[in-house]
Structure formats: structure tokens, C-alpha cells
């Protein structure tokens, strides 16, 4: 994606999938760190303050990507959107 530049996503127009992939890599790196660190308190803090919230973010983005693939966010023309509402009245 950004050639290893962690700020790439902020310098250009990254896709949501690219951001997801970068966050997933970060999650894997942090998880590996927790497995290897000798300090149990540090491992617990990284898990509670970083891994768990990051896991929730990844899950939310994954759901959005699934919805996008299913067509939930398909673009409607402004007229089409209002025509559907008018038909319901």
C-alpha cells in the first residue's frame, strides 16, 4: 500500500480496504508483541488498551466492507431516492 510508510493513509486517498489491511497488520504485530513480552502487566495493558479496541474497529470495518459488497451503499440518484419515498405514500 504505502511502501511501509505508516502515514500513507493520511497523505493520500486510501480505500477502506487498504486501511483495514494496515490496521490488521498492526493488530498482528501487537498480538505478537504481547505473546513475546516478558512483563505481564505490560502485556495486559497492551491487550486491554490496544488489542481489544482495535479488534472492535476491525470488526466494524469488516461489517461495513461486507455491506458495501452486498450493495447496501449503492449510489442512487437524488431523484431516484425521492421517487422511492413518494411511492410509499
PDB file of N, CA and C in Angstrom:
ATOM      1  N   UNK A   1       0.823  -1.183   0.000  1.00  0.00           N
ATOM      2  CA  UNK A   1       0.000   0.000   0.000  1.00  0.00           C
ATOM      3  C   UNK A   1       0.865   1.243   0.000  1.00  0.00           C
ATOM      4  N   UNK A   2       1.436   1.599   1.130  1.00  0.00           N
ATOM      5  CA  UNK A   2       2.188   2.831   1.207  1.00  0.00           C
ATOM      6  C   UNK A   2       3.679   2.613   1.253  1.00  0.00           C
ATOM      7  N   UNK A   3       4.127   1.428   0.888  1.00  0.00           N
ATOM      8  CA  UNK A   3       5.552   1.166   0.898  1.00  0.00           C
ATOM      9  C   UNK A   3       6.144   1.207   2.292  1.00  0.00           C
ATOM     10  N   UNK A   4       5.358   0.832   3.287  1.00  0.00           N
ATOM     11  CA  UNK A   4       5.858   0.809   4.648  1.00  0.00           C
ATOM     12  C   UNK A   4       5.728   2.137   5.373  1.00  0.00           C
ATOM     13  N   UNK A   5       5.212   3.149   4.713  1.00  0.00           N
ATOM     14  CA  UNK A   5       5.021   4.451   5.342  1.00  0.00           C
ATOM     15  C   UNK A   5       3.718   4.428   6.124  1.00  0.00           C
ATOM     16  N   UNK A   6       3.783   4.458   7.466  1.00  0.00           N
ATOM     17  CA  UNK A   6       2.549   4.349   8.250  1.00  0.00           C
ATOM     18  C   UNK A   6       1.635   5.556   8.090  1.00  0.00           C
ATOM     19  N   UNK A   7       2.125   6.649   7.555  1.00  0.00           N
ATOM     20  CA  UNK A   7       1.305   7.833   7.375  1.00  0.00           C
ATOM     21  C   UNK A   7       0.745   7.945   5.963  1.00  0.00           C
ATOM     22  N   UNK A   8       0.963   6.931   5.148  1.00  0.00           N
ATOM     23  CA  UNK A   8       0.470   6.952   3.774  1.00  0.00           C
ATOM     24  C   UNK A   8      -1.032   7.167   3.724  1.00  0.00           C
ATOM     25  N   UNK A   9      -1.758   6.499   4.604  1.00  0.00           N
ATOM     26  CA  UNK A   9      -3.212   6.602   4.543  1.00  0.00           C
ATOM     27  C   UNK A   9      -3.692   8.022   4.822  1.00  0.00           C
ATOM     28  N   UNK A  10      -2.858   8.820   5.476  1.00  0.00           N
ATOM     29  CA  UNK A  10      -3.240  10.189   5.761  1.00  0.00           C
ATOM     30  C   UNK A  10      -2.747  11.160   4.691  1.00  0.00           C
ATOM     31  N   UNK A  11      -1.856  10.704   3.823  1.00  0.00           N
ATOM     32  CA  UNK A  11      -1.297  11.569   2.784  1.00  0.00           C
ATOM     33  C   UNK A  11      -2.025  11.439   1.460  1.00  0.00           C
ATOM     34  N   UNK A  12      -2.806  10.396   1.298  1.00  0.00           N
ATOM     35  CA  UNK A  12      -3.490  10.165   0.035  1.00  0.00           C
ATOM     36  C   UNK A  12      -4.879   9.628   0.300  1.00  0.00           C
ATOM     37  N   UNK A  13      -5.501   9.200  -0.756  1.00  0.00           N
ATOM     38  CA  UNK A  13      -6.849   8.670  -0.639  1.00  0.00           C
ATOM     39  C   UNK A  13      -6.785   7.149  -0.593  1.00  0.00           C
ATOM     40  N   UNK A  14      -6.596   6.606   0.583  1.00  0.00           N
ATOM     41  CA  UNK A  14      -6.578   5.161   0.744  1.00  0.00           C
ATOM     42  C   UNK A  14      -8.016   4.653   0.750  1.00  0.00           C
ATOM     43  N   UNK A  15      -8.191   3.444   0.272  1.00  0.00           N
ATOM     44  CA  UNK A  15      -9.520   2.854   0.327  1.00  0.00           C
ATOM     45  C   UNK A  15      -9.753   2.306   1.728  1.00  0.00           C
ATOM     46  N   UNK A  16     -10.998   2.043   2.035  1.00  0.00           N
ATOM     47  CA  UNK A  16     -11.337   1.476   3.331  1.00  0.00           C
ATOM     48  C   UNK A  16     -10.676   0.105   3.497  1.00  0.00           C
ATOM     49  N   UNK A  17     -10.596  -0.651   2.420  1.00  0.00           N
ATOM     50  CA  UNK A  17      -9.949  -1.967   2.469  1.00  0.00           C
ATOM     51  C   UNK A  17      -8.455  -1.827   2.775  1.00  0.00           C
ATOM     52  N   UNK A  18      -7.800  -0.823   2.195  1.00  0.00           N
ATOM     53  CA  UNK A  18      -6.381  -0.590   2.474  1.00  0.00           C
ATOM     54  C   UNK A  18      -6.176  -0.215   3.941  1.00  0.00           C
ATOM     55  N   UNK A  19      -7.055   0.607   4.463  1.00  0.00           N
ATOM     56  CA  UNK A  19      -6.966   0.980   5.877  1.00  0.00           C
ATOM     57  C   UNK A  19      -7.185  -0.245   6.748  1.00  0.00           C
ATOM     58  N   UNK A  20      -8.164  -1.052   6.391  1.00  0.00           N
ATOM     59  CA  UNK A  20      -8.423  -2.289   7.126  1.00  0.00           C
ATOM     60  C   UNK A  20      -7.176  -3.171   7.139  1.00  0.00           C
ATOM     61  N   UNK A  21      -6.546  -3.328   5.992  1.00  0.00           N
ATOM     62  CA  UNK A  21      -5.355  -4.176   5.902  1.00  0.00           C
ATOM     63  C   UNK A  21      -4.219  -3.654   6.776  1.00  0.00           C
ATOM     64  N   UNK A  22      -4.031  -2.339   6.782  1.00  0.00           N
ATOM     65  CA  UNK A  22      -2.989  -1.738   7.627  1.00  0.00           C
ATOM     66  C   UNK A  22      -3.294  -1.963   9.108  1.00  0.00           C
ATOM     67  N   UNK A  23      -4.543  -1.781   9.499  1.00  0.00           N
ATOM     68  CA  UNK A  23      -4.928  -1.996  10.901  1.00  0.00           C
ATOM     69  C   UNK A  23      -4.803  -3.467  11.291  1.00  0.00           C
ATOM     70  N   UNK A  24      -5.114  -4.353  10.361  1.00  0.00           N
ATOM     71  CA  UNK A  24      -4.975  -5.786  10.620  1.00  0.00           C
ATOM     72  C   UNK A  24      -3.507  -6.149  10.842  1.00  0.00           C
ATOM     73  N   UNK A  25      -2.625  -5.558  10.048  1.00  0.00           N
ATOM     74  CA  UNK A  25      -1.192  -5.785  10.228  1.00  0.00           C
ATOM     75  C   UNK A  25      -0.734  -5.263  11.586  1.00  0.00           C
ATOM     76  N   UNK A  26      -1.209  -4.090  11.966  1.00  0.00           N
ATOM     77  CA  UNK A  26      -0.891  -3.530  13.275  1.00  0.00           C
ATOM     78  C   UNK A  26      -1.381  -4.458  14.383  1.00  0.00           C
ATOM     79  N   UNK A  27      -2.592  -4.972  14.240  1.00  0.00           N
ATOM     80  CA  UNK A  27      -3.143  -5.896  15.227  1.00  0.00           C
ATOM     81  C   UNK A  27      -2.250  -7.127  15.368  1.00  0.00           C
ATOM     82  N   UNK A  28      -1.843  -7.697  14.257  1.00  0.00           N
ATOM     83  CA  UNK A  28      -0.991  -8.892  14.278  1.00  0.00           C
ATOM     84  C   UNK A  28       0.350  -8.594  14.934  1.00  0.00           C
ATOM     85  N   UNK A  29       0.910  -7.425  14.640  1.00  0.00           N
ATOM     86  CA  UNK A  29       2.183  -7.033  15.255  1.00  0.00           C
ATOM     87  C   UNK A  29       2.033  -6.867  16.766  1.00  0.00           C
ATOM     88  N   UNK A  30       0.971  -6.203  17.196  1.00  0.00           N
ATOM     89  CA  UNK A  30       0.732  -6.023  18.625  1.00  0.00           C
ATOM     90  C   UNK A  30       0.478  -7.353  19.316  1.00  0.00           C
ATOM     91  N   UNK A  31      -0.260  -8.224  18.676  1.00  0.00           N
ATOM     92  CA  UNK A  31      -0.536  -9.545  19.240  1.00  0.00           C
ATOM     93  C   UNK A  31       0.762 -10.332  19.409  1.00  0.00           C
ATOM     94  N   UNK A  32       1.622 -10.270  18.414  1.00  0.00           N
ATOM     95  CA  UNK A  32       2.932 -10.917  18.519  1.00  0.00           C
ATOM     96  C   UNK A  32       3.759 -10.329  19.643  1.00  0.00           C
ATOM     97  N   UNK A  33       3.686  -9.016  19.807  1.00  0.00           N
ATOM     98  CA  UNK A  33       4.404  -8.345  20.892  1.00  0.00           C
ATOM     99  C   UNK A  33       3.914  -8.850  22.243  1.00  0.00           C
ATOM    100  N   UNK A  34       2.598  -8.934  22.401  1.00  0.00           N
ATOM    101  CA  UNK A  34       2.021  -9.403  23.667  1.00  0.00           C
ATOM    102  C   UNK A  34       2.473 -10.826  23.971  1.00  0.00           C
ATOM    103  N   UNK A  35       2.551 -11.669  22.961  1.00  0.00           N
ATOM    104  CA  UNK A  35       2.984 -13.055  23.163  1.00  0.00           C
ATOM    105  C   UNK A  35       4.443 -13.148  23.588  1.00  0.00           C
ATOM    106  N   UNK A  36       5.261 -12.197  23.137  1.00  0.00           N
ATOM    107  CA  UNK A  36       6.699 -12.264  23.390  1.00  0.00           C
ATOM    108  C   UNK A  36       7.172 -11.461  24.599  1.00  0.00           C
ATOM    109  N   UNK A  37       6.405 -10.459  25.036  1.00  0.00           N
ATOM    110  CA  UNK A  37       6.862  -9.574  26.105  1.00  0.00           C
ATOM    111  C   UNK A  37       6.926 -10.343  27.430  1.00  0.00           C
ATOM    112  N   UNK A  38       7.946 -10.038  28.217  1.00  0.00           N
ATOM    113  CA  UNK A  38       8.145 -10.721  29.492  1.00  0.00           C
ATOM    114  C   UNK A  38       7.335 -10.107  30.631  1.00  0.00           C
ATOM    115  N   UNK A  39       6.897  -8.884  30.474  1.00  0.00           N
ATOM    116  CA  UNK A  39       6.192  -8.171  31.531  1.00  0.00           C
ATOM    117  C   UNK A  39       4.687  -8.409  31.388  1.00  0.00           C
ATOM    118  N   UNK A  40       4.108  -9.154  32.328  1.00  0.00           N
ATOM    119  CA  UNK A  40       2.687  -9.498  32.268  1.00  0.00           C
ATOM    120  C   UNK A  40       1.794  -8.271  32.381  1.00  0.00           C
ATOM    121  N   UNK A  41       2.204  -7.292  33.176  1.00  0.00           N
ATOM    122  CA  UNK A  41       1.405  -6.073  33.314  1.00  0.00           C
ATOM    123  C   UNK A  41       1.364  -5.301  31.993  1.00  0.00           C
ATOM    124  N   UNK A  42       2.505  -5.219  31.329  1.00  0.00           N
ATOM    125  CA  UNK A  42       2.574  -4.536  30.041  1.00  0.00           C
ATOM    126  C   UNK A  42       1.723  -5.278  29.006  1.00  0.00           C
ATOM    127  N   UNK A  43       1.827  -6.591  28.991  1.00  0.00           N
ATOM    128  CA  UNK A  43       1.035  -7.400  28.060  1.00  0.00           C
ATOM    129  C   UNK A  43      -0.456  -7.188  28.301  1.00  0.00           C
ATOM    130  N   UNK A  44      -0.842  -7.123  29.557  1.00  0.00           N
ATOM    131  CA  UNK A  44      -2.244  -6.899  29.906  1.00  0.00           C
ATOM    132  C   UNK A  44      -2.710  -5.520  29.458  1.00  0.00           C
ATOM    133  N   UNK A  45      -1.892  -4.506  29.663  1.00  0.00           N
ATOM    134  CA  UNK A  45      -2.251  -3.150  29.242  1.00  0.00           C
ATOM    135  C   UNK A  45      -2.372  -3.046  27.728  1.00  0.00           C
ATOM    136  N   UNK A  46      -1.435  -3.626  27.009  1.00  0.00           N
ATOM    137  CA  UNK A  46      -1.492  -3.584  25.538  1.00  0.00           C
ATOM    138  C   UNK A  46      -2.740  -4.311  25.051  1.00  0.00           C
ATOM    139  N   UNK A  47      -3.045  -5.436  25.678  1.00  0.00           N
ATOM    140  CA  UNK A  47      -4.243  -6.183  25.284  1.00  0.00           C
ATOM    141  C   UNK A  47      -5.507  -5.381  25.554  1.00  0.00           C
ATOM    142  N   UNK A  48      -5.630  -4.857  26.775  1.00  0.00           N
ATOM    143  CA  UNK A  48      -6.844  -4.145  27.146  1.00  0.00           C
ATOM    144  C   UNK A  48      -7.004  -2.791  26.491  1.00  0.00           C
ATOM    145  N   UNK A  49      -5.903  -2.087  26.314  1.00  0.00           N
ATOM    146  CA  UNK A  49      -5.977  -0.722  25.792  1.00  0.00           C
ATOM    147  C   UNK A  49      -5.779  -0.605  24.289  1.00  0.00           C
ATOM    148  N   UNK A  50      -5.236  -1.642  23.661  1.00  0.00           N
ATOM    149  CA  UNK A  50      -4.978  -1.560  22.220  1.00  0.00           C
ATOM    150  C   UNK A  50      -5.602  -2.713  21.436  1.00  0.00           C
ATOM    151  N   UNK A  51      -5.316  -3.942  21.822  1.00  0.00           N
ATOM    152  CA  UNK A  51      -5.783  -5.078  21.029  1.00  0.00           C
ATOM    153  C   UNK A  51      -7.302  -5.207  21.020  1.00  0.00           C
ATOM    154  N   UNK A  52      -7.916  -5.116  22.185  1.00  0.00           N
ATOM    155  CA  UNK A  52      -9.373  -5.288  22.236  1.00  0.00           C
ATOM    156  C   UNK A  52     -10.091  -4.169  21.473  1.00  0.00           C
ATOM    157  N   UNK A  53      -9.747  -2.892  21.714  1.00  0.00           N
ATOM    158  CA  UNK A  53     -10.405  -1.844  20.911  1.00  0.00           C
ATOM    159  C   UNK A  53     -10.107  -1.967  19.419  1.00  0.00           C
ATOM    160  N   UNK A  54      -8.889  -2.315  19.059  1.00  0.00           N
ATOM    161  CA  UNK A  54      -8.531  -2.467  17.655  1.00  0.00           C
ATOM    162  C   UNK A  54      -9.321  -3.613  17.023  1.00  0.00           C
ATOM    163  N   UNK A  55      -9.532  -4.666  17.779  1.00  0.00           N
ATOM    164  CA  UNK A  55     -10.340  -5.784  17.295  1.00  0.00           C
ATOM    165  C   UNK A  55     -11.768  -5.336  16.994  1.00  0.00           C
ATOM    166  N   UNK A  56     -12.309  -4.467  17.831  1.00  0.00           N
ATOM    167  CA  UNK A  56     -13.662  -3.945  17.612  1.00  0.00           C
ATOM    168  C   UNK A  56     -13.710  -3.065  16.366  1.00  0.00           C
ATOM    169  N   UNK A  57     -12.677  -2.264  16.159  1.00  0.00           N
ATOM    170  CA  UNK A  57     -12.606  -1.419  14.967  1.00  0.00           C
ATOM    171  C   UNK A  57     -12.521  -2.289  13.716  1.00  0.00           C
ATOM    172  N   UNK A  58     -11.680  -3.304  13.754  1.00  0.00           N
ATOM    173  CA  UNK A  58     -11.554  -4.212  12.607  1.00  0.00           C
ATOM    174  C   UNK A  58     -12.880  -4.898  12.307  1.00  0.00           C
ATOM    175  N   UNK A  59     -13.577  -5.307  13.333  1.00  0.00           N
ATOM    176  CA  UNK A  59     -14.870  -5.963  13.149  1.00  0.00           C
ATOM    177  C   UNK A  59     -15.882  -5.007  12.520  1.00  0.00           C
ATOM    178  N   UNK A  60     -15.892  -3.764  12.988  1.00  0.00           N
ATOM    179  CA  UNK A  60     -16.819  -2.770  12.431  1.00  0.00           C
ATOM    180  C   UNK A  60     -16.503  -2.481  10.968  1.00  0.00           C
ATOM    181  N   UNK A  61     -15.226  -2.301  10.645  1.00  0.00           N
ATOM    182  CA  UNK A  61     -14.841  -2.036   9.258  1.00  0.00           C
ATOM    183  C   UNK A  61     -15.160  -3.240   8.380  1.00  0.00           C
ATOM    184  N   UNK A  62     -14.929  -4.435   8.893  1.00  0.00           N
ATOM    185  CA  UNK A  62     -15.242  -5.644   8.140  1.00  0.00           C
ATOM    186  C   UNK A  62     -16.736  -5.709   7.815  1.00  0.00           C
ATOM    187  N   UNK A  63     -17.567  -5.340   8.771  1.00  0.00           N
ATOM    188  CA  UNK A  63     -19.016  -5.320   8.534  1.00  0.00           C
ATOM    189  C   UNK A  63     -19.382  -4.304   7.466  1.00  0.00           C
ATOM    190  N   UNK A  64     -18.749  -3.148   7.510  1.00  0.00           N
ATOM    191  CA  UNK A  64     -19.003  -2.116   6.501  1.00  0.00           C
ATOM    192  C   UNK A  64     -18.582  -2.607   5.123  1.00  0.00           C
ATOM    193  N   UNK A  65     -17.417  -3.256   5.049  1.00  0.00           N
ATOM    194  CA  UNK A  65     -16.952  -3.790   3.765  1.00  0.00           C
ATOM    195  C   UNK A  65     -17.900  -4.859   3.238  1.00  0.00           C
ATOM    196  N   UNK A  66     -18.413  -5.709   4.132  1.00  0.00           N
ATOM    197  CA  UNK A  66     -19.391  -6.722   3.719  1.00  0.00           C
ATOM    198  C   UNK A  66     -20.672  -6.072   3.196  1.00  0.00           C
ATOM    199  N   UNK A  67     -21.136  -5.045   3.909  1.00  0.00           N
ATOM    200  CA  UNK A  67     -22.335  -4.329   3.464  1.00  0.00           C
ATOM    201  C   UNK A  67     -22.115  -3.676   2.106  1.00  0.00           C
ATOM    202  N   UNK A  68     -20.925  -3.102   1.938  1.00  0.00           N
ATOM    203  CA  UNK A  68     -20.605  -2.465   0.659  1.00  0.00           C
ATOM    204  C   UNK A  68     -20.622  -3.490  -0.471  1.00  0.00           C
ATOM    205  N   UNK A  69     -20.038  -4.658  -0.218  1.00  0.00           N
ATOM    206  CA  UNK A  69     -20.007  -5.711  -1.231  1.00  0.00           C
ATOM    207  C   UNK A  69     -21.417  -6.223  -1.544  1.00  0.00           C
ATOM    208  N   UNK A  70     -22.301  -6.159  -0.559  1.00  0.00           N
ATOM    209  CA  UNK A  70     -23.680  -6.611  -0.753  1.00  0.00           C
ATOM    210  C   UNK A  70     -24.555  -5.555  -1.415  1.00  0.00           C
ATOM    211  N   UNK A  71     -23.994  -4.365  -1.666  1.00  0.00           N
ATOM    212  CA  UNK A  71     -24.736  -3.325  -2.356  1.00  0.00           C
ATOM    213  C   UNK A  71     -25.540  -2.407  -1.456  1.00  0.00           C
ATOM    214  N   UNK A  72     -25.329  -2.493  -0.149  1.00  0.00           N
ATOM    215  CA  UNK A  72     -26.081  -1.653   0.788  1.00  0.00           C
ATOM    216  C   UNK A  72     -25.855  -0.177   0.517  1.00  0.00           C
ATOM    217  N   UNK A  73     -24.655   0.168   0.082  1.00  0.00           N
ATOM    218  CA  UNK A  73     -24.311   1.567  -0.115  1.00  0.00           C
ATOM    219  C   UNK A  73     -24.346   1.992  -1.582  1.00  0.00           C
ATOM    220  N   UNK A  74     -25.057   1.240  -2.412  1.00  0.00           N
ATOM    221  CA  UNK A  74     -25.140   1.610  -3.825  1.00  0.00           C
ATOM    222  C   UNK A  74     -25.670   3.023  -3.949  1.00  0.00           C
ATOM    223  N   UNK A  75     -25.082   3.743  -4.868  1.00  0.00           N
ATOM    224  CA  UNK A  75     -25.454   5.146  -5.069  1.00  0.00           C
ATOM    225  C   UNK A  75     -26.775   5.234  -5.830  1.00  0.00           C
ATOM    226  N   UNK A  76     -27.656   6.035  -5.311  1.00  0.00           N
ATOM    227  CA  UNK A  76     -28.893   6.347  -6.007  1.00  0.00           C
ATOM    228  C   UNK A  76     -28.817   7.795  -6.439  1.00  0.00           C
ATOM    229  N   UNK A  77     -29.392   8.066  -7.578  1.00  0.00           N
ATOM    230  CA  UNK A  77     -29.514   9.465  -7.969  1.00  0.00           C
ATOM    231  C   UNK A  77     -30.499  10.136  -7.022  1.00  0.00           C
ATOM    232  N   UNK A  78     -30.349  11.414  -6.821  1.00  0.00           N
ATOM    233  CA  UNK A  78     -31.222  12.121  -5.889  1.00  0.00           C
ATOM    234  C   UNK A  78     -32.688  11.933  -6.272  1.00  0.00           C
ATOM    235  N   UNK A  79     -33.005  11.980  -7.558  1.00  0.00           N
ATOM    236  CA  UNK A  79     -34.380  11.801  -7.998  1.00  0.00           C
ATOM    237  C   UNK A  79     -34.886  10.400  -7.703  1.00  0.00           C
ATOM    238  N   UNK A  80     -34.031   9.394  -7.902  1.00  0.00           N
ATOM    239  CA  UNK A  80     -34.426   8.012  -7.637  1.00  0.00           C
ATOM    240  C   UNK A  80     -34.760   7.811  -6.164  1.00  0.00           C
ATOM    241  N   UNK A  81     -33.979   8.395  -5.297  1.00  0.00           N
ATOM    242  CA  UNK A  81     -34.207   8.248  -3.871  1.00  0.00           C
ATOM    243  C   UNK A  81     -35.560   8.832  -3.479  1.00  0.00           C
ATOM    244  N   UNK A  82     -35.870  10.012  -3.990  1.00  0.00           N
ATOM    245  CA  UNK A  82     -37.144  10.641  -3.638  1.00  0.00           C
ATOM    246  C   UNK A  82     -38.323   9.931  -4.296  1.00  0.00           C
ATOM    247  N   UNK A  83     -38.135   9.376  -5.480  1.00  0.00           N
ATOM    248  CA  UNK A  83     -39.213   8.644  -6.139  1.00  0.00           C
ATOM    249  C   UNK A  83     -39.610   7.430  -5.311  1.00  0.00           C
ATOM    250  N   UNK A  84     -38.635   6.743  -4.729  1.00  0.00           N
ATOM    251  CA  UNK A  84     -38.951   5.583  -3.900  1.00  0.00           C
ATOM    252  C   UNK A  84     -39.759   6.000  -2.680  1.00  0.00           C
ATOM    253  N   UNK A  85     -39.396   7.119  -2.069  1.00  0.00           N
ATOM    254  CA  UNK A  85     -40.129   7.605  -0.898  1.00  0.00           C
ATOM    255  C   UNK A  85     -41.546   7.988  -1.282  1.00  0.00           C
ATOM    256  N   UNK A  86     -41.724   8.659  -2.429  1.00  0.00           N
ATOM    257  CA  UNK A  86     -43.037   9.092  -2.860  1.00  0.00           C
ATOM    258  C   UNK A  86     -43.942   7.910  -3.131  1.00  0.00           C
ATOM    259  N   UNK A  87     -43.370   6.818  -3.642  1.00  0.00           N
ATOM    260  CA  UNK A  87     -44.183   5.636  -3.935  1.00  0.00           C
ATOM    261  C   UNK A  87     -44.727   5.006  -2.655  1.00  0.00           C
ATOM    262  N   UNK A  88     -44.053   5.209  -1.533  1.00  0.00           N
ATOM    263  CA  UNK A  88     -44.501   4.625  -0.278  1.00  0.00           C
ATOM    264  C   UNK A  88     -45.673   5.373   0.314  1.00  0.00           C
ATOM    265  N   UNK A  89     -45.908   6.608  -0.116  1.00  0.00           N
ATOM    266  CA  UNK A  89     -47.001   7.397   0.478  1.00  0.00           C
ATOM    267  C   UNK A  89     -48.271   6.946  -0.081  1.00  0.00           C
TER     268      UNK A  89
END
